[in-house]
C-alpha atoms as a PDB file:
ATOM      1  CA  UNK A   1      -2.357  10.719  -1.294  1.00  0.00           C
ATOM      2  CA  UNK A   2      -2.967   6.909  -0.753  1.00  0.00           C
ATOM      3  CA  UNK A   3      -5.255   6.611   2.390  1.00  0.00           C
ATOM      4  CA  UNK A   4      -3.016   4.751   5.148  1.00  0.00           C
ATOM      5  CA  UNK A   5      -5.449   1.920   6.464  1.00  0.00           C
ATOM      6  CA  UNK A   6      -5.274   0.709   9.989  1.00  0.00           C
ATOM      7  CA  UNK A   7      -5.362  -2.686   8.555  1.00  0.00           C
ATOM      8  CA  UNK A   8      -1.997  -4.955   7.096  1.00  0.00           C
ATOM      9  CA  UNK A   9      -1.507  -5.269   3.805  1.00  0.00           C
ATOM     10  CA  UNK A  10      -0.824  -8.738   4.376  1.00  0.00           C
ATOM     11  CA  UNK A  11      -4.478  -8.889   6.071  1.00  0.00           C
ATOM     12  CA  UNK A  12      -6.172  -7.194   3.084  1.00  0.00           C
ATOM     13  CA  UNK A  13      -4.495  -9.116   0.579  1.00  0.00           C
ATOM     14  CA  UNK A  14      -5.229 -12.609   2.406  1.00  0.00           C
ATOM     15  CA  UNK A  15      -9.321 -11.893   2.683  1.00  0.00           C
ATOM     16  CA  UNK A  16      -8.643 -10.523  -1.155  1.00  0.00           C
ATOM     17  CA  UNK A  17      -7.411 -13.478  -2.162  1.00  0.00           C
ATOM     18  CA  UNK A  18      -9.465 -16.001   0.414  1.00  0.00           C
ATOM     19  CA  UNK A  19     -12.979 -14.200  -1.908  1.00  0.00           C
ATOM     20  CA  UNK A  20     -11.311 -14.555  -5.558  1.00  0.00           C
ATOM     21  CA  UNK A  21     -10.644 -18.575  -4.667  1.00  0.00           C
ATOM     22  CA  UNK A  22     -14.147 -18.588  -3.720  1.00  0.00           C
ATOM     23  CA  UNK A  23     -15.569 -16.986  -6.759  1.00  0.00           C
ATOM     24  CA  UNK A  24     -13.511 -18.790  -8.897  1.00  0.00           C
ATOM     25  CA  UNK A  25     -14.376 -22.138  -6.895  1.00  0.00           C
ATOM     26  CA  UNK A  26     -17.791 -21.363  -7.928  1.00  0.00           C
ATOM     27  CA  UNK A  27     -16.950 -20.265 -11.731  1.00  0.00           C
ATOM     28  CA  UNK A  28     -19.006 -17.805 -11.233  1.00  0.00           C
ATOM     29  CA  UNK A  29     -18.653 -15.161 -14.175  1.00  0.00           C
ATOM     30  CA  UNK A  30     -18.213 -11.387 -13.222  1.00  0.00           C
ATOM     31  CA  UNK A  31     -21.959 -10.145 -13.386  1.00  0.00           C
ATOM     32  CA  UNK A  32     -23.038 -13.026 -10.725  1.00  0.00           C
ATOM     33  CA  UNK A  33     -19.578 -11.403  -9.160  1.00  0.00           C
ATOM     34  CA  UNK A  34     -20.309  -8.756  -9.010  1.00  0.00           C
ATOM     35  CA  UNK A  35     -24.011  -8.906  -7.597  1.00  0.00           C
ATOM     36  CA  UNK A  36     -22.963 -11.365  -4.727  1.00  0.00           C
ATOM     37  CA  UNK A  37     -20.418  -8.332  -3.287  1.00  0.00           C
ATOM     38  CA  UNK A  38     -22.615  -5.625  -3.842  1.00  0.00           C
ATOM     39  CA  UNK A  39     -24.974  -7.828  -1.786  1.00  0.00           C
ATOM     40  CA  UNK A  40     -22.110  -8.377   0.653  1.00  0.00           C
ATOM     41  CA  UNK A  41     -21.530  -4.463   0.979  1.00  0.00           C
ATOM     42  CA  UNK A  42     -25.136  -3.407   1.262  1.00  0.00           C
ATOM     43  CA  UNK A  43     -25.533  -6.294   4.243  1.00  0.00           C
ATOM     44  CA  UNK A  44     -22.817  -4.605   6.069  1.00  0.00           C
ATOM     45  CA  UNK A  45     -23.909  -1.312   5.205  1.00  0.00           C
ATOM     46  CA  UNK A  46     -27.251  -2.564   7.113  1.00  0.00           C
ATOM     47  CA  UNK A  47     -26.275  -4.472   9.722  1.00  0.00           C
ATOM     48  CA  UNK A  48     -23.431  -2.565  10.866  1.00  0.00           C
ATOM     49  CA  UNK A  49     -23.389   0.786  10.209  1.00  0.00           C
ATOM     50  CA  UNK A  50     -25.965   3.683  12.344  1.00  0.00           C
ATOM     51  CA  UNK A  51     -28.899   4.012  10.320  1.00  0.00           C
ATOM     52  CA  UNK A  52     -27.420   7.954  10.202  1.00  0.00           C
ATOM     53  CA  UNK A  53     -24.438   7.411   8.702  1.00  0.00           C
ATOM     54  CA  UNK A  54     -25.324   4.854   5.868  1.00  0.00           C
ATOM     55  CA  UNK A  55     -26.658   7.282   3.222  1.00  0.00           C
ATOM     56  CA  UNK A  56     -22.628   8.689   3.705  1.00  0.00           C
ATOM     57  CA  UNK A  57     -20.964   5.445   4.006  1.00  0.00           C
ATOM     58  CA  UNK A  58     -22.758   3.901   1.054  1.00  0.00           C
ATOM     59  CA  UNK A  59     -21.839   7.269  -1.177  1.00  0.00           C
ATOM     60  CA  UNK A  60     -17.968   7.514   0.114  1.00  0.00           C
ATOM     61  CA  UNK A  61     -17.605   3.636  -1.049  1.00  0.00           C
ATOM     62  CA  UNK A  62     -19.244   4.308  -4.698  1.00  0.00           C
ATOM     63  CA  UNK A  63     -16.845   7.432  -4.772  1.00  0.00           C
ATOM     64  CA  UNK A  64     -13.483   6.089  -3.710  1.00  0.00           C
ATOM     65  CA  UNK A  65     -14.816   2.645  -6.483  1.00  0.00           C
ATOM     66  CA  UNK A  66     -15.351   5.759  -8.854  1.00  0.00           C
ATOM     67  CA  UNK A  67     -11.702   6.773  -8.619  1.00  0.00           C
ATOM     68  CA  UNK A  68     -10.350   3.282  -8.106  1.00  0.00           C
ATOM     69  CA  UNK A  69     -11.856   2.049 -11.943  1.00  0.00           C
ATOM     70  CA  UNK A  70      -9.113   2.328 -13.706  1.00  0.00           C
ATOM     71  CA  UNK A  71     -10.024   3.063 -17.283  1.00  0.00           C
ATOM     72  CA  UNK A  72      -7.785   1.178 -20.013  1.00  0.00           C
ATOM     73  CA  UNK A  73      -8.762  -0.280 -23.394  1.00  0.00           C
ATOM     74  CA  UNK A  74      -8.214  -4.321 -21.489  1.00  0.00           C
ATOM     75  CA  UNK A  75     -11.558  -5.574 -22.019  1.00  0.00           C
END
């Protein structure tokens, strides 16, 4: 069952497009892009989430990421 969000699809898509544009303008390879995005997630968790909830949120984020990755033969 898809999760509902308090944010509109349009807002999410705009932010995503903006972030992709920055990485593309820098011609960042996949590994660098993943490092930067991972550091951003870590920074957000460490600065915006109470210390008591950080590990739980990080685990939930990791599980959601794993669930969203498609296992096809595209690459």
